[in-house]
Amino acid sequence: MLKLHYAPDNASLIIRLVLEELGTPYETVLVDRASNAQHSAAYLKVNPMGTIPALETPDGVVFETAAILMWLVDRAGQMAPAVDSPDRGAFLSWMMVASNGMQTDLRQHFYAERFTAGSVEDHRRIVSKRLQGHLDRYEALLGAKRSWFGGETPTALDYYVAVPLRWFALYLRGDNWFDLNTWPRLKALAQRIEARPAMQAAIIAEGLGQTPLSAPSPANPPEGAAL
């Protein structure tokens, strides 16, 4: 059985949701960030990067959120265009923008003091502009009505873009410019995703509240800490 190393309300939430959406059996192992368990010798044997999530599989450990997502959906043959589909290249491109662009910039904003020796406020202002650009581009992409983003059947990209909307609302620091109403298509995506059975399972597992993407509240998980 697959084993997801997770922390509540972390990037592992995206993996949990896709596992639930696929109906793939899995078990979870808490990585307690309150005690810095992600940097423990035991966890570093699982994931040498010391990041969350990691997924133990029969073929070994997969880590990094985008890599885990693609491993899961390609094995299942669901939630992504097929390898030989004409849509595959565009889908992968926007998956990597979510990973290397939006997610990276969120970390740069949340933990700005780690990424600059200068003014934290100035750094956050610069990163905020990039984050707004990511949201604008995904809003426009939803308007293009691609089957692999915002379509009738959720894809890995839907989850990869929708879940961070929660963190935009809860964890941005400084001048909080974020208002999901500015991006109505993204808001509609968030509302569709949070109504899915997969999200209902995650709400219980991680204490996320009833509108975890469109109008989120801080997590109150039954185990571990959302940090």
C-alpha atoms as a PDB file:
ATOM      1  CA  MET A   1       0.000   0.000   0.000  1.00  0.00           C
ATOM      2  CA  LEU A   2       1.128   3.545  -0.678  1.00  0.00           C
ATOM      3  CA  LYS A   3       2.290   5.489   2.362  1.00  0.00           C
ATOM      4  CA  LEU A   4       1.940   9.281   2.391  1.00  0.00           C
ATOM      5  CA  HIS A   5       4.223  11.202   4.729  1.00  0.00           C
ATOM      6  CA  TYR A   6       2.238  14.330   5.461  1.00  0.00           C
ATOM      7  CA  ALA A   7       1.699  17.338   7.689  1.00  0.00           C
ATOM      8  CA  PRO A   8      -1.703  19.009   8.049  1.00  0.00           C
ATOM      9  CA  ASP A   9      -2.430  21.863   5.650  1.00  0.00           C
ATOM     10  CA  ASN A  10       0.882  21.454   3.847  1.00  0.00           C
ATOM     11  CA  ALA A  11       1.645  20.562   0.234  1.00  0.00           C
ATOM     12  CA  SER A  12       0.851  16.964   1.162  1.00  0.00           C
ATOM     13  CA  LEU A  13      -2.806  18.035   1.178  1.00  0.00           C
ATOM     14  CA  ILE A  14      -2.688  18.183  -2.619  1.00  0.00           C
ATOM     15  CA  ILE A  15      -1.421  14.602  -2.731  1.00  0.00           C
ATOM     16  CA  ARG A  16      -4.039  13.401  -0.253  1.00  0.00           C
ATOM     17  CA  LEU A  17      -6.775  14.934  -2.396  1.00  0.00           C
ATOM     18  CA  VAL A  18      -5.566  13.331  -5.608  1.00  0.00           C
ATOM     19  CA  LEU A  19      -5.237   9.953  -3.879  1.00  0.00           C
ATOM     20  CA  GLU A  20      -8.814  10.339  -2.666  1.00  0.00           C
ATOM     21  CA  GLU A  21     -10.016  11.460  -6.100  1.00  0.00           C
ATOM     22  CA  LEU A  22      -8.380   8.429  -7.713  1.00  0.00           C
ATOM     23  CA  GLY A  23      -9.761   6.070  -5.069  1.00  0.00           C
ATOM     24  CA  THR A  24      -6.257   4.749  -4.474  1.00  0.00           C
ATOM     25  CA  PRO A  25      -5.745   2.948  -1.140  1.00  0.00           C
ATOM     26  CA  TYR A  26      -3.108   4.611   1.022  1.00  0.00           C
ATOM     27  CA  GLU A  27      -2.080   5.153   4.600  1.00  0.00           C
ATOM     28  CA  THR A  28      -0.605   8.237   6.205  1.00  0.00           C
ATOM     29  CA  VAL A  29       2.379   8.899   8.429  1.00  0.00           C
ATOM     30  CA  LEU A  30       2.448  12.199  10.299  1.00  0.00           C
ATOM     31  CA  VAL A  31       5.552  14.340   9.944  1.00  0.00           C
ATOM     32  CA  ASP A  32       5.289  16.561  13.010  1.00  0.00           C
ATOM     33  CA  ARG A  33       6.531  19.977  11.976  1.00  0.00           C
ATOM     34  CA  ALA A  34       6.075  21.270  15.526  1.00  0.00           C
ATOM     35  CA  SER A  35       9.083  19.148  16.502  1.00  0.00           C
ATOM     36  CA  ASN A  36      10.891  19.665  13.157  1.00  0.00           C
ATOM     37  CA  ALA A  37      10.431  15.996  12.360  1.00  0.00           C
ATOM     38  CA  GLN A  38      11.013  16.774   8.674  1.00  0.00           C
ATOM     39  CA  HIS A  39      14.677  17.328   9.562  1.00  0.00           C
ATOM     40  CA  SER A  40      15.044  14.216  11.697  1.00  0.00           C
ATOM     41  CA  ALA A  41      17.448  11.459  10.720  1.00  0.00           C
ATOM     42  CA  ALA A  42      14.530   9.055  10.355  1.00  0.00           C
ATOM     43  CA  TYR A  43      12.658  11.268   7.908  1.00  0.00           C
ATOM     44  CA  LEU A  44      15.765  12.201   5.950  1.00  0.00           C
ATOM     45  CA  LYS A  45      16.181   8.501   5.210  1.00  0.00           C
ATOM     46  CA  VAL A  46      12.764   8.661   3.557  1.00  0.00           C
ATOM     47  CA  ASN A  47      13.221  12.025   1.835  1.00  0.00           C
ATOM     48  CA  PRO A  48      16.774  13.386   1.787  1.00  0.00           C
ATOM     49  CA  MET A  49      15.432  16.841   0.898  1.00  0.00           C
ATOM     50  CA  GLY A  50      13.651  17.101   4.246  1.00  0.00           C
ATOM     51  CA  THR A  51      10.505  18.388   2.562  1.00  0.00           C
ATOM     52  CA  ILE A  52       6.874  17.350   2.811  1.00  0.00           C
ATOM     53  CA  PRO A  53       5.344  15.327   1.184  1.00  0.00           C
ATOM     54  CA  ALA A  54       6.980  12.027   0.409  1.00  0.00           C
ATOM     55  CA  LEU A  55       5.211   8.973  -0.943  1.00  0.00           C
ATOM     56  CA  GLU A  56       6.462   5.469  -0.291  1.00  0.00           C
ATOM     57  CA  THR A  57       5.586   3.173  -3.191  1.00  0.00           C
ATOM     58  CA  PRO A  58       6.410  -0.441  -4.096  1.00  0.00           C
ATOM     59  CA  ASP A  59       9.044   1.016  -6.444  1.00  0.00           C
ATOM     60  CA  GLY A  60      10.663   3.279  -3.852  1.00  0.00           C
ATOM     61  CA  VAL A  61      10.061   6.749  -2.475  1.00  0.00           C
ATOM     62  CA  VAL A  62       8.823   9.594  -4.661  1.00  0.00           C
ATOM     63  CA  PHE A  63       9.208  13.135  -3.340  1.00  0.00           C
ATOM     64  CA  GLU A  64       8.441  16.656  -4.575  1.00  0.00           C
ATOM     65  CA  THR A  65       4.758  17.419  -5.038  1.00  0.00           C
ATOM     66  CA  ALA A  66       4.764  17.668  -8.834  1.00  0.00           C
ATOM     67  CA  ALA A  67       6.706  14.419  -9.191  1.00  0.00           C
ATOM     68  CA  ILE A  68       4.296  12.583  -6.889  1.00  0.00           C
ATOM     69  CA  LEU A  69       1.287  13.961  -8.746  1.00  0.00           C
ATOM     70  CA  MET A  70       2.599  12.875 -12.129  1.00  0.00           C
ATOM     71  CA  TRP A  71       3.610   9.453 -10.802  1.00  0.00           C
ATOM     72  CA  LEU A  72       0.097   8.917  -9.439  1.00  0.00           C
ATOM     73  CA  VAL A  73      -1.912  10.124 -12.408  1.00  0.00           C
ATOM     74  CA  ASP A  74       0.270   8.415 -14.996  1.00  0.00           C
ATOM     75  CA  ARG A  75       0.041   5.104 -13.147  1.00  0.00           C
ATOM     76  CA  ALA A  76      -3.726   5.488 -12.844  1.00  0.00           C
ATOM     77  CA  GLY A  77      -4.263   6.743 -16.388  1.00  0.00           C
ATOM     78  CA  GLN A  78      -6.565   9.430 -15.011  1.00  0.00           C
ATOM     79  CA  MET A  79      -6.581  13.138 -14.117  1.00  0.00           C
ATOM     80  CA  ALA A  80      -4.113  14.141 -16.849  1.00  0.00           C
ATOM     81  CA  PRO A  81      -3.862  13.986 -20.630  1.00  0.00           C
ATOM     82  CA  ALA A  82      -2.300  10.747 -21.825  1.00  0.00           C
ATOM     83  CA  VAL A  83       1.394  10.698 -22.647  1.00  0.00           C
ATOM     84  CA  ASP A  84       0.625  10.660 -26.378  1.00  0.00           C
ATOM     85  CA  SER A  85      -2.139  13.293 -26.191  1.00  0.00           C
ATOM     86  CA  PRO A  86      -1.670  16.575 -28.091  1.00  0.00           C
ATOM     87  CA  ASP A  87      -2.618  18.307 -24.828  1.00  0.00           C
ATOM     88  CA  ARG A  88       0.158  16.692 -22.829  1.00  0.00           C
ATOM     89  CA  GLY A  89       2.799  19.361 -23.403  1.00  0.00           C
ATOM     90  CA  ALA A  90       0.580  22.264 -22.388  1.00  0.00           C
ATOM     91  CA  PHE A  91      -0.667  20.372 -19.333  1.00  0.00           C
ATOM     92  CA  LEU A  92       2.882  19.620 -18.175  1.00  0.00           C
ATOM     93  CA  SER A  93       3.933  23.211 -18.776  1.00  0.00           C
ATOM     94  CA  TRP A  94       1.202  24.568 -16.517  1.00  0.00           C
ATOM     95  CA  MET A  95       1.905  21.878 -13.912  1.00  0.00           C
ATOM     96  CA  MET A  96       5.500  23.075 -13.753  1.00  0.00           C
ATOM     97  CA  VAL A  97       4.395  26.712 -13.522  1.00  0.00           C
ATOM     98  CA  ALA A  98       2.342  25.725 -10.478  1.00  0.00           C
ATOM     99  CA  SER A  99       5.356  23.949  -8.995  1.00  0.00           C
ATOM    100  CA  ASN A 100       8.324  26.116  -9.907  1.00  0.00           C
ATOM    101  CA  GLY A 101       6.409  29.381 -10.157  1.00  0.00           C
ATOM    102  CA  MET A 102       3.414  29.771  -7.896  1.00  0.00           C
ATOM    103  CA  GLN A 103       4.415  27.354  -5.125  1.00  0.00           C
ATOM    104  CA  THR A 104       7.984  28.621  -5.075  1.00  0.00           C
ATOM    105  CA  ASP A 105       6.842  32.227  -4.890  1.00  0.00           C
ATOM    106  CA  LEU A 106       4.435  31.418  -2.070  1.00  0.00           C
ATOM    107  CA  ARG A 107       7.349  30.018  -0.070  1.00  0.00           C
ATOM    108  CA  GLN A 108       9.398  33.104  -0.926  1.00  0.00           C
ATOM    109  CA  HIS A 109       6.590  35.260   0.451  1.00  0.00           C
ATOM    110  CA  PHE A 110       5.806  33.211   3.558  1.00  0.00           C
ATOM    111  CA  TYR A 111       9.461  32.854   4.567  1.00  0.00           C
ATOM    112  CA  ALA A 112      10.886  36.021   3.031  1.00  0.00           C
ATOM    113  CA  GLU A 113      13.531  36.429   5.728  1.00  0.00           C
ATOM    114  CA  ARG A 114      15.174  33.219   4.479  1.00  0.00           C
ATOM    115  CA  PHE A 115      15.528  34.491   0.931  1.00  0.00           C
ATOM    116  CA  THR A 116      16.843  38.033   1.249  1.00  0.00           C
ATOM    117  CA  ALA A 117      19.588  39.794   3.138  1.00  0.00           C
ATOM    118  CA  GLY A 118      17.857  43.096   2.442  1.00  0.00           C
ATOM    119  CA  SER A 119      14.418  44.443   3.220  1.00  0.00           C
ATOM    120  CA  VAL A 120      11.872  41.710   3.892  1.00  0.00           C
ATOM    121  CA  GLU A 121       9.071  44.129   3.040  1.00  0.00           C
ATOM    122  CA  ASP A 122      10.624  44.985  -0.333  1.00  0.00           C
ATOM    123  CA  HIS A 123      11.155  41.308  -1.085  1.00  0.00           C
ATOM    124  CA  ARG A 124       7.527  40.523  -0.316  1.00  0.00           C
ATOM    125  CA  ARG A 125       6.334  43.370  -2.540  1.00  0.00           C
ATOM    126  CA  ILE A 126       8.329  41.989  -5.464  1.00  0.00           C
ATOM    127  CA  VAL A 127       7.106  38.442  -4.874  1.00  0.00           C
ATOM    128  CA  SER A 128       3.518  39.651  -4.472  1.00  0.00           C
ATOM    129  CA  LYS A 129       3.613  41.039  -8.014  1.00  0.00           C
ATOM    130  CA  ARG A 130       4.780  37.667  -9.302  1.00  0.00           C
ATOM    131  CA  LEU A 131       2.030  35.888  -7.365  1.00  0.00           C
ATOM    132  CA  GLN A 132      -0.603  38.203  -8.809  1.00  0.00           C
ATOM    133  CA  GLY A 133       0.769  37.385 -12.250  1.00  0.00           C
ATOM    134  CA  HIS A 134       0.399  33.653 -11.626  1.00  0.00           C
ATOM    135  CA  LEU A 135      -3.217  34.128 -10.565  1.00  0.00           C
ATOM    136  CA  ASP A 136      -3.933  36.307 -13.604  1.00  0.00           C
ATOM    137  CA  ARG A 137      -2.482  33.698 -15.953  1.00  0.00           C
ATOM    138  CA  TYR A 138      -4.417  30.803 -14.437  1.00  0.00           C
ATOM    139  CA  GLU A 139      -7.591  32.901 -14.506  1.00  0.00           C
ATOM    140  CA  ALA A 140      -7.019  33.490 -18.224  1.00  0.00           C
ATOM    141  CA  LEU A 141      -6.266  29.808 -18.799  1.00  0.00           C
ATOM    142  CA  LEU A 142      -9.586  28.873 -17.217  1.00  0.00           C
ATOM    143  CA  GLY A 143     -11.239  31.234 -19.678  1.00  0.00           C
ATOM    144  CA  ALA A 144      -9.702  29.248 -22.538  1.00  0.00           C
ATOM    145  CA  LYS A 145     -11.857  26.275 -21.470  1.00  0.00           C
ATOM    146  CA  ARG A 146      -9.261  23.549 -21.807  1.00  0.00           C
ATOM    147  CA  SER A 147     -10.523  20.066 -20.943  1.00  0.00           C
ATOM    148  CA  TRP A 148      -7.519  19.491 -18.673  1.00  0.00           C
ATOM    149  CA  PHE A 149      -8.042  22.575 -16.494  1.00  0.00           C
ATOM    150  CA  GLY A 150     -11.357  23.578 -15.004  1.00  0.00           C
ATOM    151  CA  GLY A 151     -13.266  20.987 -17.005  1.00  0.00           C
ATOM    152  CA  GLU A 152     -16.052  18.672 -15.963  1.00  0.00           C
ATOM    153  CA  THR A 153     -13.696  16.051 -14.533  1.00  0.00           C
ATOM    154  CA  PRO A 154     -11.026  17.312 -12.106  1.00  0.00           C
ATOM    155  CA  THR A 155      -7.390  16.930 -13.071  1.00  0.00           C
ATOM    156  CA  ALA A 156      -4.177  17.060 -11.103  1.00  0.00           C
ATOM    157  CA  LEU A 157      -3.729  20.642 -12.311  1.00  0.00           C
ATOM    158  CA  ASP A 158      -7.115  21.633 -10.897  1.00  0.00           C
ATOM    159  CA  TYR A 159      -6.016  20.495  -7.462  1.00  0.00           C
ATOM    160  CA  TYR A 160      -2.494  21.878  -7.815  1.00  0.00           C
ATOM    161  CA  VAL A 161      -3.851  25.363  -8.519  1.00  0.00           C
ATOM    162  CA  ALA A 162      -6.973  25.348  -6.335  1.00  0.00           C
ATOM    163  CA  VAL A 163      -5.451  24.195  -3.038  1.00  0.00           C
ATOM    164  CA  PRO A 164      -2.883  27.030  -2.762  1.00  0.00           C
ATOM    165  CA  LEU A 165      -5.739  29.545  -2.959  1.00  0.00           C
ATOM    166  CA  ARG A 166      -6.299  28.571   0.665  1.00  0.00           C
ATOM    167  CA  TRP A 167      -2.766  29.580   1.578  1.00  0.00           C
ATOM    168  CA  PHE A 168      -3.013  32.860  -0.304  1.00  0.00           C
ATOM    169  CA  ALA A 169      -5.977  33.759   1.890  1.00  0.00           C
ATOM    170  CA  LEU A 170      -4.534  32.558   5.202  1.00  0.00           C
ATOM    171  CA  TYR A 171      -0.798  33.053   5.180  1.00  0.00           C
ATOM    172  CA  LEU A 172       0.260  36.053   3.105  1.00  0.00           C
ATOM    173  CA  ARG A 173       2.046  38.596   5.273  1.00  0.00           C
ATOM    174  CA  GLY A 174       2.364  42.340   5.087  1.00  0.00           C
ATOM    175  CA  ASP A 175      -0.004  44.136   2.721  1.00  0.00           C
ATOM    176  CA  ASN A 176      -2.709  41.516   2.220  1.00  0.00           C
ATOM    177  CA  TRP A 177      -3.780  42.278  -1.325  1.00  0.00           C
ATOM    178  CA  PHE A 178      -5.394  38.900  -1.972  1.00  0.00           C
ATOM    179  CA  ASP A 179      -9.146  38.767  -2.578  1.00  0.00           C
ATOM    180  CA  LEU A 180     -10.340  35.682  -4.424  1.00  0.00           C
ATOM    181  CA  ASN A 181     -13.267  37.642  -5.862  1.00  0.00           C
ATOM    182  CA  THR A 182     -10.713  39.376  -8.107  1.00  0.00           C
ATOM    183  CA  TRP A 183     -10.353  36.075  -9.980  1.00  0.00           C
ATOM    184  CA  PRO A 184     -13.928  34.771 -10.411  1.00  0.00           C
ATOM    185  CA  ARG A 185     -12.999  31.736 -12.489  1.00  0.00           C
ATOM    186  CA  LEU A 186     -10.471  30.638  -9.880  1.00  0.00           C
ATOM    187  CA  LYS A 187     -13.090  31.170  -7.186  1.00  0.00           C
ATOM    188  CA  ALA A 188     -15.530  28.977  -9.105  1.00  0.00           C
ATOM    189  CA  LEU A 189     -12.833  26.316  -9.458  1.00  0.00           C
ATOM    190  CA  ALA A 190     -12.181  26.458  -5.714  1.00  0.00           C
ATOM    191  CA  GLN A 191     -15.876  26.046  -4.966  1.00  0.00           C
ATOM    192  CA  ARG A 192     -16.182  23.053  -7.306  1.00  0.00           C
ATOM    193  CA  ILE A 193     -13.133  21.373  -5.808  1.00  0.00           C
ATOM    194  CA  GLU A 194     -14.185  21.901  -2.208  1.00  0.00           C
ATOM    195  CA  ALA A 195     -17.529  20.214  -2.954  1.00  0.00           C
ATOM    196  CA  ARG A 196     -15.821  17.028  -4.182  1.00  0.00           C
ATOM    197  CA  PRO A 197     -15.986  13.880  -2.017  1.00  0.00           C
ATOM    198  CA  ALA A 198     -12.180  13.919  -1.980  1.00  0.00           C
ATOM    199  CA  MET A 199     -12.191  17.288  -0.255  1.00  0.00           C
ATOM    200  CA  GLN A 200     -14.825  16.187   2.218  1.00  0.00           C
ATOM    201  CA  ALA A 201     -12.521  13.348   3.273  1.00  0.00           C
ATOM    202  CA  ALA A 202      -9.592  15.766   3.608  1.00  0.00           C
ATOM    203  CA  ILE A 203     -11.670  18.208   5.653  1.00  0.00           C
ATOM    204  CA  ILE A 204     -12.194  15.488   8.254  1.00  0.00           C
ATOM    205  CA  ALA A 205      -8.622  14.186   8.133  1.00  0.00           C
ATOM    206  CA  GLU A 206      -6.957  17.595   8.457  1.00  0.00           C
ATOM    207  CA  GLY A 207      -9.571  19.761  10.195  1.00  0.00           C
ATOM    208  CA  LEU A 208      -9.959  22.222   7.335  1.00  0.00           C
ATOM    209  CA  GLY A 209     -13.453  23.634   7.833  1.00  0.00           C
ATOM    210  CA  GLN A 210     -16.340  23.525   5.376  1.00  0.00           C
ATOM    211  CA  THR A 211     -15.099  26.068   2.801  1.00  0.00           C
ATOM    212  CA  PRO A 212     -11.365  25.347   2.862  1.00  0.00           C
ATOM    213  CA  LEU A 213     -10.533  26.962  -0.486  1.00  0.00           C
ATOM    214  CA  SER A 214     -13.065  29.694  -1.200  1.00  0.00           C
ATOM    215  CA  ALA A 215     -13.387  31.086   2.354  1.00  0.00           C
ATOM    216  CA  PRO A 216     -10.808  29.270   4.472  1.00  0.00           C
ATOM    217  CA  SER A 217     -10.232  29.269   8.196  1.00  0.00           C
ATOM    218  CA  PRO A 218      -7.092  28.039   9.981  1.00  0.00           C
ATOM    219  CA  ALA A 219      -6.815  24.268  10.199  1.00  0.00           C
ATOM    220  CA  ASN A 220      -7.655  22.460  13.413  1.00  0.00           C
ATOM    221  CA  PRO A 221      -6.183  19.036  12.685  1.00  0.00           C
ATOM    222  CA  PRO A 222      -6.835  15.953  14.819  1.00  0.00           C
ATOM    223  CA  GLU A 223      -3.092  15.262  14.828  1.00  0.00           C
ATOM    224  CA  GLY A 224       0.005  17.314  14.160  1.00  0.00           C
ATOM    225  CA  ALA A 225       0.219  21.039  13.617  1.00  0.00           C
ATOM    226  CA  ALA A 226      -0.412  23.217  10.579  1.00  0.00           C
ATOM    227  CA  LEU A 227       2.618  25.524  10.442  1.00  0.00           C
END
